[in-house]
Amino acid sequence: MTDLVLLTETIVKSLVKDPETVSVKQFETDEDYILIQIMIDKDAMGSIIGKQGRIANAIRTVVQAASFIGENKKVRINIDSF
C-alpha cells in the first residue's frame, strides 16, 4: 500500500461511522496520473462528499499536495458506493 493510499484511507475512515466498510485501492494508468478508488457504503456517501462536494474536494487537495511532495504526479480520486 502506497503512502497516498494510506493517507486517503486514513482521512476517509476518520469521516465515516463504520471504518471497516471503507476500501481504498490504487490503480496504475498509462498516463501521468495516479488513480485512487474509494469504495464506501452508500449510506456514508454524504459524509464523504459533503455539501456541494466540499469534503471530497478537500480530500483531493490534501492527497494531491502529498503527491507533489513525493511522486510529483497528478492524482484522480473516484468515490463510489456499494
PDB file of N, CA and C in Angstrom:
ATOM      1  N   MET A   1       0.850  -1.170   0.000  1.00  0.00           N
ATOM      2  CA  MET A   1       0.000   0.000   0.000  1.00  0.00           C
ATOM      3  C   MET A   1       0.902   1.241   0.000  1.00  0.00           C
ATOM      4  N   THR A   2       0.629   2.113  -0.927  1.00  0.00           N
ATOM      5  CA  THR A   2       1.461   3.309  -1.024  1.00  0.00           C
ATOM      6  C   THR A   2       1.057   4.346   0.020  1.00  0.00           C
ATOM      7  N   ASP A   3       1.899   5.340   0.166  1.00  0.00           N
ATOM      8  CA  ASP A   3       1.628   6.398   1.133  1.00  0.00           C
ATOM      9  C   ASP A   3       0.356   7.158   0.786  1.00  0.00           C
ATOM     10  N   LEU A   4       0.105   7.389  -0.507  1.00  0.00           N
ATOM     11  CA  LEU A   4      -1.091   8.129  -0.910  1.00  0.00           C
ATOM     12  C   LEU A   4      -2.358   7.357  -0.589  1.00  0.00           C
ATOM     13  N   VAL A   5      -2.331   6.057  -0.790  1.00  0.00           N
ATOM     14  CA  VAL A   5      -3.492   5.218  -0.465  1.00  0.00           C
ATOM     15  C   VAL A   5      -3.705   5.198   1.044  1.00  0.00           C
ATOM     16  N   LEU A   6      -2.628   5.069   1.793  1.00  0.00           N
ATOM     17  CA  LEU A   6      -2.728   5.066   3.253  1.00  0.00           C
ATOM     18  C   LEU A   6      -3.254   6.401   3.765  1.00  0.00           C
ATOM     19  N   LEU A   7      -2.784   7.501   3.201  1.00  0.00           N
ATOM     20  CA  LEU A   7      -3.276   8.827   3.573  1.00  0.00           C
ATOM     21  C   LEU A   7      -4.758   8.964   3.267  1.00  0.00           C
ATOM     22  N   THR A   8      -5.160   8.575   2.064  1.00  0.00           N
ATOM     23  CA  THR A   8      -6.565   8.660   1.664  1.00  0.00           C
ATOM     24  C   THR A   8      -7.436   7.793   2.568  1.00  0.00           C
ATOM     25  N   GLU A   9      -6.984   6.582   2.835  1.00  0.00           N
ATOM     26  CA  GLU A   9      -7.739   5.665   3.679  1.00  0.00           C
ATOM     27  C   GLU A   9      -7.894   6.218   5.097  1.00  0.00           C
ATOM     28  N   THR A  10      -6.843   6.805   5.644  1.00  0.00           N
ATOM     29  CA  THR A  10      -6.894   7.377   6.983  1.00  0.00           C
ATOM     30  C   THR A  10      -7.897   8.519   7.060  1.00  0.00           C
ATOM     31  N   ILE A  11      -7.879   9.387   6.064  1.00  0.00           N
ATOM     32  CA  ILE A  11      -8.809  10.517   6.040  1.00  0.00           C
ATOM     33  C   ILE A  11     -10.254  10.026   5.941  1.00  0.00           C
ATOM     34  N   VAL A  12     -10.512   9.129   4.994  1.00  0.00           N
ATOM     35  CA  VAL A  12     -11.881   8.656   4.760  1.00  0.00           C
ATOM     36  C   VAL A  12     -12.407   7.876   5.963  1.00  0.00           C
ATOM     37  N   LYS A  13     -11.582   7.021   6.546  1.00  0.00           N
ATOM     38  CA  LYS A  13     -12.033   6.236   7.698  1.00  0.00           C
ATOM     39  C   LYS A  13     -12.361   7.109   8.897  1.00  0.00           C
ATOM     40  N   SER A  14     -11.700   8.257   9.004  1.00  0.00           N
ATOM     41  CA  SER A  14     -11.992   9.145  10.130  1.00  0.00           C
ATOM     42  C   SER A  14     -13.309   9.895   9.940  1.00  0.00           C
ATOM     43  N   LEU A  15     -13.851   9.893   8.726  1.00  0.00           N
ATOM     44  CA  LEU A  15     -15.080  10.626   8.427  1.00  0.00           C
ATOM     45  C   LEU A  15     -16.347   9.776   8.483  1.00  0.00           C
ATOM     46  N   VAL A  16     -16.220   8.465   8.467  1.00  0.00           N
ATOM     47  CA  VAL A  16     -17.405   7.597   8.423  1.00  0.00           C
ATOM     48  C   VAL A  16     -17.648   6.937   9.781  1.00  0.00           C
ATOM     49  N   LYS A  17     -18.887   6.491   9.992  1.00  0.00           N
ATOM     50  CA  LYS A  17     -19.257   5.845  11.252  1.00  0.00           C
ATOM     51  C   LYS A  17     -18.670   4.443  11.365  1.00  0.00           C
ATOM     52  N   ASP A  18     -18.618   3.713  10.246  1.00  0.00           N
ATOM     53  CA  ASP A  18     -18.115   2.341  10.247  1.00  0.00           C
ATOM     54  C   ASP A  18     -16.879   2.245   9.350  1.00  0.00           C
ATOM     55  N   PRO A  19     -15.687   2.441   9.908  1.00  0.00           N
ATOM     56  CA  PRO A  19     -14.464   2.447   9.097  1.00  0.00           C
ATOM     57  C   PRO A  19     -14.158   1.111   8.412  1.00  0.00           C
ATOM     58  N   GLU A  20     -14.755   0.033   8.892  1.00  0.00           N
ATOM     59  CA  GLU A  20     -14.486  -1.281   8.298  1.00  0.00           C
ATOM     60  C   GLU A  20     -15.073  -1.421   6.892  1.00  0.00           C
ATOM     61  N   THR A  21     -16.022  -0.574   6.546  1.00  0.00           N
ATOM     62  CA  THR A  21     -16.659  -0.670   5.235  1.00  0.00           C
ATOM     63  C   THR A  21     -15.889   0.084   4.154  1.00  0.00           C
ATOM     64  N   VAL A  22     -14.810   0.773   4.514  1.00  0.00           N
ATOM     65  CA  VAL A  22     -14.053   1.584   3.562  1.00  0.00           C
ATOM     66  C   VAL A  22     -12.999   0.729   2.864  1.00  0.00           C
ATOM     67  N   SER A  23     -12.929   0.883   1.540  1.00  0.00           N
ATOM     68  CA  SER A  23     -11.904   0.215   0.752  1.00  0.00           C
ATOM     69  C   SER A  23     -11.256   1.246  -0.168  1.00  0.00           C
ATOM     70  N   VAL A  24      -9.931   1.342  -0.102  1.00  0.00           N
ATOM     71  CA  VAL A  24      -9.192   2.295  -0.930  1.00  0.00           C
ATOM     72  C   VAL A  24      -8.124   1.529  -1.695  1.00  0.00           C
ATOM     73  N   LYS A  25      -8.122   1.674  -3.021  1.00  0.00           N
ATOM     74  CA  LYS A  25      -7.150   0.975  -3.869  1.00  0.00           C
ATOM     75  C   LYS A  25      -6.558   1.930  -4.885  1.00  0.00           C
ATOM     76  N   GLN A  26      -5.334   1.649  -5.270  1.00  0.00           N
ATOM     77  CA  GLN A  26      -4.664   2.443  -6.301  1.00  0.00           C
ATOM     78  C   GLN A  26      -4.562   1.602  -7.571  1.00  0.00           C
ATOM     79  N   PHE A  27      -4.825   2.248  -8.700  1.00  0.00           N
ATOM     80  CA  PHE A  27      -4.729   1.584  -9.989  1.00  0.00           C
ATOM     81  C   PHE A  27      -3.681   2.280 -10.836  1.00  0.00           C
ATOM     82  N   GLU A  28      -2.902   1.493 -11.531  1.00  0.00           N
ATOM     83  CA  GLU A  28      -1.896   2.037 -12.438  1.00  0.00           C
ATOM     84  C   GLU A  28      -2.565   2.487 -13.725  1.00  0.00           C
ATOM     85  N   THR A  29      -2.114   3.595 -14.252  1.00  0.00           N
ATOM     86  CA  THR A  29      -2.639   4.100 -15.513  1.00  0.00           C
ATOM     87  C   THR A  29      -1.489   4.298 -16.480  1.00  0.00           C
ATOM     88  N   ASP A  30      -1.822   4.388 -17.762  1.00  0.00           N
ATOM     89  CA  ASP A  30      -0.804   4.599 -18.780  1.00  0.00           C
ATOM     90  C   ASP A  30      -0.358   6.051 -18.836  1.00  0.00           C
ATOM     91  N   GLU A  31      -1.168   6.930 -18.285  1.00  0.00           N
ATOM     92  CA  GLU A  31      -0.877   8.351 -18.362  1.00  0.00           C
ATOM     93  C   GLU A  31      -0.111   8.804 -17.115  1.00  0.00           C
ATOM     94  N   ASP A  32       0.125  10.103 -17.014  1.00  0.00           N
ATOM     95  CA  ASP A  32       0.929  10.641 -15.923  1.00  0.00           C
ATOM     96  C   ASP A  32       0.094  10.998 -14.703  1.00  0.00           C
ATOM     97  N   TYR A  33      -0.794  10.116 -14.297  1.00  0.00           N
ATOM     98  CA  TYR A  33      -1.552  10.356 -13.080  1.00  0.00           C
ATOM     99  C   TYR A  33      -1.782   9.053 -12.333  1.00  0.00           C
ATOM    100  N   ILE A  34      -2.112   9.190 -11.076  1.00  0.00           N
ATOM    101  CA  ILE A  34      -2.398   8.061 -10.208  1.00  0.00           C
ATOM    102  C   ILE A  34      -3.907   8.036  -9.976  1.00  0.00           C
ATOM    103  N   LEU A  35      -4.523   6.884 -10.126  1.00  0.00           N
ATOM    104  CA  LEU A  35      -5.965   6.742  -9.900  1.00  0.00           C
ATOM    105  C   LEU A  35      -6.186   6.019  -8.573  1.00  0.00           C
ATOM    106  N   ILE A  36      -6.914   6.677  -7.681  1.00  0.00           N
ATOM    107  CA  ILE A  36      -7.261   6.080  -6.393  1.00  0.00           C
ATOM    108  C   ILE A  36      -8.772   5.920  -6.347  1.00  0.00           C
ATOM    109  N   GLN A  37      -9.216   4.706  -6.048  1.00  0.00           N
ATOM    110  CA  GLN A  37     -10.638   4.372  -5.992  1.00  0.00           C
ATOM    111  C   GLN A  37     -11.054   4.188  -4.536  1.00  0.00           C
ATOM    112  N   ILE A  38     -12.058   4.944  -4.101  1.00  0.00           N
ATOM    113  CA  ILE A  38     -12.608   4.817  -2.756  1.00  0.00           C
ATOM    114  C   ILE A  38     -13.972   4.147  -2.869  1.00  0.00           C
ATOM    115  N   MET A  39     -14.131   3.027  -2.188  1.00  0.00           N
ATOM    116  CA  MET A  39     -15.415   2.337  -2.139  1.00  0.00           C
ATOM    117  C   MET A  39     -15.935   2.410  -0.710  1.00  0.00           C
ATOM    118  N   ILE A  40     -17.156   2.955  -0.558  1.00  0.00           N
ATOM    119  CA  ILE A  40     -17.768   3.074   0.758  1.00  0.00           C
ATOM    120  C   ILE A  40     -19.227   2.643   0.693  1.00  0.00           C
ATOM    121  N   ASP A  41     -19.802   2.441   1.857  1.00  0.00           N
ATOM    122  CA  ASP A  41     -21.214   2.110   1.956  1.00  0.00           C
ATOM    123  C   ASP A  41     -22.043   3.291   1.448  1.00  0.00           C
ATOM    124  N   LYS A  42     -23.132   3.005   0.737  1.00  0.00           N
ATOM    125  CA  LYS A  42     -23.924   4.098   0.151  1.00  0.00           C
ATOM    126  C   LYS A  42     -24.508   5.027   1.204  1.00  0.00           C
ATOM    127  N   ASP A  43     -24.694   4.540   2.431  1.00  0.00           N
ATOM    128  CA  ASP A  43     -25.212   5.385   3.499  1.00  0.00           C
ATOM    129  C   ASP A  43     -24.181   6.420   3.967  1.00  0.00           C
ATOM    130  N   ALA A  44     -22.906   6.172   3.695  1.00  0.00           N
ATOM    131  CA  ALA A  44     -21.839   7.075   4.129  1.00  0.00           C
ATOM    132  C   ALA A  44     -21.405   8.051   3.034  1.00  0.00           C
ATOM    133  N   MET A  45     -22.045   7.990   1.878  1.00  0.00           N
ATOM    134  CA  MET A  45     -21.638   8.860   0.762  1.00  0.00           C
ATOM    135  C   MET A  45     -21.730  10.334   1.120  1.00  0.00           C
ATOM    136  N   GLY A  46     -22.779  10.731   1.812  1.00  0.00           N
ATOM    137  CA  GLY A  46     -22.964  12.135   2.160  1.00  0.00           C
ATOM    138  C   GLY A  46     -21.866  12.671   3.056  1.00  0.00           C
ATOM    139  N   SER A  47     -21.369  11.829   3.963  1.00  0.00           N
ATOM    140  CA  SER A  47     -20.319  12.293   4.869  1.00  0.00           C
ATOM    141  C   SER A  47     -18.965  12.396   4.174  1.00  0.00           C
ATOM    142  N   ILE A  48     -18.800  11.718   3.072  1.00  0.00           N
ATOM    143  CA  ILE A  48     -17.536  11.800   2.329  1.00  0.00           C
ATOM    144  C   ILE A  48     -17.594  12.899   1.282  1.00  0.00           C
ATOM    145  N   ILE A  49     -18.716  13.075   0.627  1.00  0.00           N
ATOM    146  CA  ILE A  49     -18.814  14.090  -0.420  1.00  0.00           C
ATOM    147  C   ILE A  49     -19.054  15.469   0.191  1.00  0.00           C
ATOM    148  N   GLY A  50     -19.940  15.583   1.167  1.00  0.00           N
ATOM    149  CA  GLY A  50     -20.208  16.857   1.818  1.00  0.00           C
ATOM    150  C   GLY A  50     -21.091  17.756   0.970  1.00  0.00           C
ATOM    151  N   LYS A  51     -21.452  18.895   1.534  1.00  0.00           N
ATOM    152  CA  LYS A  51     -22.292  19.848   0.803  1.00  0.00           C
ATOM    153  C   LYS A  51     -21.515  20.417  -0.367  1.00  0.00           C
ATOM    154  N   GLN A  52     -22.111  20.335  -1.533  1.00  0.00           N
ATOM    155  CA  GLN A  52     -21.531  20.833  -2.783  1.00  0.00           C
ATOM    156  C   GLN A  52     -20.150  20.242  -3.059  1.00  0.00           C
ATOM    157  N   GLY A  53     -19.873  19.044  -2.518  1.00  0.00           N
ATOM    158  CA  GLY A  53     -18.617  18.354  -2.791  1.00  0.00           C
ATOM    159  C   GLY A  53     -17.406  18.916  -2.072  1.00  0.00           C
ATOM    160  N   ARG A  54     -17.629  19.696  -1.044  1.00  0.00           N
ATOM    161  CA  ARG A  54     -16.512  20.367  -0.363  1.00  0.00           C
ATOM    162  C   ARG A  54     -15.566  19.390   0.329  1.00  0.00           C
ATOM    163  N   ILE A  55     -16.100  18.374   0.991  1.00  0.00           N
ATOM    164  CA  ILE A  55     -15.240  17.410   1.686  1.00  0.00           C
ATOM    165  C   ILE A  55     -14.456  16.589   0.671  1.00  0.00           C
ATOM    166  N   ALA A  56     -15.108  16.143  -0.394  1.00  0.00           N
ATOM    167  CA  ALA A  56     -14.415  15.384  -1.437  1.00  0.00           C
ATOM    168  C   ALA A  56     -13.300  16.219  -2.064  1.00  0.00           C
ATOM    169  N   ASN A  57     -13.571  17.489  -2.321  1.00  0.00           N
ATOM    170  CA  ASN A  57     -12.533  18.360  -2.883  1.00  0.00           C
ATOM    171  C   ASN A  57     -11.387  18.573  -1.905  1.00  0.00           C
ATOM    172  N   ALA A  58     -11.688  18.658  -0.627  1.00  0.00           N
ATOM    173  CA  ALA A  58     -10.635  18.812   0.377  1.00  0.00           C
ATOM    174  C   ALA A  58      -9.757  17.566   0.435  1.00  0.00           C
ATOM    175  N   ILE A  59     -10.373  16.387   0.350  1.00  0.00           N
ATOM    176  CA  ILE A  59      -9.601  15.136   0.324  1.00  0.00           C
ATOM    177  C   ILE A  59      -8.689  15.129  -0.894  1.00  0.00           C
ATOM    178  N   ARG A  60      -9.232  15.487  -2.049  1.00  0.00           N
ATOM    179  CA  ARG A  60      -8.433  15.531  -3.278  1.00  0.00           C
ATOM    180  C   ARG A  60      -7.265  16.511  -3.150  1.00  0.00           C
ATOM    181  N   THR A  61      -7.505  17.667  -2.553  1.00  0.00           N
ATOM    182  CA  THR A  61      -6.459  18.674  -2.398  1.00  0.00           C
ATOM    183  C   THR A  61      -5.322  18.178  -1.510  1.00  0.00           C
ATOM    184  N   VAL A  62      -5.654  17.560  -0.392  1.00  0.00           N
ATOM    185  CA  VAL A  62      -4.636  17.065   0.531  1.00  0.00           C
ATOM    186  C   VAL A  62      -3.815  15.947  -0.113  1.00  0.00           C
ATOM    187  N   VAL A  63      -4.488  15.011  -0.773  1.00  0.00           N
ATOM    188  CA  VAL A  63      -3.778  13.892  -1.404  1.00  0.00           C
ATOM    189  C   VAL A  63      -2.929  14.393  -2.573  1.00  0.00           C
ATOM    190  N   GLN A  64      -3.432  15.351  -3.332  1.00  0.00           N
ATOM    191  CA  GLN A  64      -2.664  15.925  -4.443  1.00  0.00           C
ATOM    192  C   GLN A  64      -1.406  16.621  -3.928  1.00  0.00           C
ATOM    193  N   ALA A  65      -1.527  17.366  -2.838  1.00  0.00           N
ATOM    194  CA  ALA A  65      -0.371  18.042  -2.255  1.00  0.00           C
ATOM    195  C   ALA A  65       0.676  17.027  -1.789  1.00  0.00           C
ATOM    196  N   ALA A  66       0.223  15.935  -1.196  1.00  0.00           N
ATOM    197  CA  ALA A  66       1.148  14.885  -0.765  1.00  0.00           C
ATOM    198  C   ALA A  66       1.830  14.236  -1.963  1.00  0.00           C
ATOM    199  N   SER A  67       1.119  14.115  -3.068  1.00  0.00           N
ATOM    200  CA  SER A  67       1.698  13.528  -4.278  1.00  0.00           C
ATOM    201  C   SER A  67       2.797  14.421  -4.843  1.00  0.00           C
ATOM    202  N   PHE A  68       2.591  15.717  -4.825  1.00  0.00           N
ATOM    203  CA  PHE A  68       3.603  16.630  -5.353  1.00  0.00           C
ATOM    204  C   PHE A  68       4.866  16.604  -4.506  1.00  0.00           C
ATOM    205  N   ILE A  69       4.737  16.331  -3.217  1.00  0.00           N
ATOM    206  CA  ILE A  69       5.910  16.216  -2.354  1.00  0.00           C
ATOM    207  C   ILE A  69       6.698  14.957  -2.699  1.00  0.00           C
ATOM    208  N   GLY A  70       5.990  13.868  -2.953  1.00  0.00           N
ATOM    209  CA  GLY A  70       6.646  12.578  -3.186  1.00  0.00           C
ATOM    210  C   GLY A  70       6.887  12.257  -4.647  1.00  0.00           C
ATOM    211  N   GLU A  71       5.843  11.854  -5.351  1.00  0.00           N
ATOM    212  CA  GLU A  71       5.980  11.322  -6.708  1.00  0.00           C
ATOM    213  C   GLU A  71       5.835  12.370  -7.796  1.00  0.00           C
ATOM    214  N   ASN A  72       5.316  13.520  -7.456  1.00  0.00           N
ATOM    215  CA  ASN A  72       5.114  14.612  -8.411  1.00  0.00           C
ATOM    216  C   ASN A  72       4.231  14.194  -9.591  1.00  0.00           C
ATOM    217  N   LYS A  73       3.155  13.475  -9.286  1.00  0.00           N
ATOM    218  CA  LYS A  73       2.181  13.087 -10.306  1.00  0.00           C
ATOM    219  C   LYS A  73       0.813  13.613  -9.903  1.00  0.00           C
ATOM    220  N   LYS A  74      -0.042  13.812 -10.884  1.00  0.00           N
ATOM    221  CA  LYS A  74      -1.415  14.205 -10.601  1.00  0.00           C
ATOM    222  C   LYS A  74      -2.162  13.002 -10.044  1.00  0.00           C
ATOM    223  N   VAL A  75      -3.160  13.294  -9.230  1.00  0.00           N
ATOM    224  CA  VAL A  75      -3.955  12.243  -8.603  1.00  0.00           C
ATOM    225  C   VAL A  75      -5.413  12.431  -8.973  1.00  0.00           C
ATOM    226  N   ARG A  76      -6.070  11.360  -9.375  1.00  0.00           N
ATOM    227  CA  ARG A  76      -7.512  11.355  -9.588  1.00  0.00           C
ATOM    228  C   ARG A  76      -8.117  10.437  -8.551  1.00  0.00           C
ATOM    229  N   ILE A  77      -9.133  10.916  -7.866  1.00  0.00           N
ATOM    230  CA  ILE A  77      -9.811  10.121  -6.845  1.00  0.00           C
ATOM    231  C   ILE A  77     -11.259   9.922  -7.264  1.00  0.00           C
ATOM    232  N   ASN A  78     -11.646   8.665  -7.383  1.00  0.00           N
ATOM    233  CA  ASN A  78     -13.033   8.313  -7.676  1.00  0.00           C
ATOM    234  C   ASN A  78     -13.678   7.784  -6.409  1.00  0.00           C
ATOM    235  N   ILE A  79     -14.861   8.287  -6.096  1.00  0.00           N
ATOM    236  CA  ILE A  79     -15.598   7.846  -4.914  1.00  0.00           C
ATOM    237  C   ILE A  79     -16.846   7.129  -5.395  1.00  0.00           C
ATOM    238  N   ASP A  80     -17.019   5.890  -4.946  1.00  0.00           N
ATOM    239  CA  ASP A  80     -18.161   5.101  -5.376  1.00  0.00           C
ATOM    240  C   ASP A  80     -18.710   4.332  -4.187  1.00  0.00           C
ATOM    241  N   SER A  81     -19.949   3.887  -4.292  1.00  0.00           N
ATOM    242  CA  SER A  81     -20.566   3.142  -3.196  1.00  0.00           C
ATOM    243  C   SER A  81     -20.897   1.718  -3.649  1.00  0.00           C
ATOM    244  N   PHE A  82     -21.134   0.876  -2.680  1.00  0.00           N
ATOM    245  CA  PHE A  82     -21.539  -0.495  -2.984  1.00  0.00           C
ATOM    246  C   PHE A  82     -22.830  -0.815  -2.282  1.00  0.00           C
TER     247      PHE A  82
END
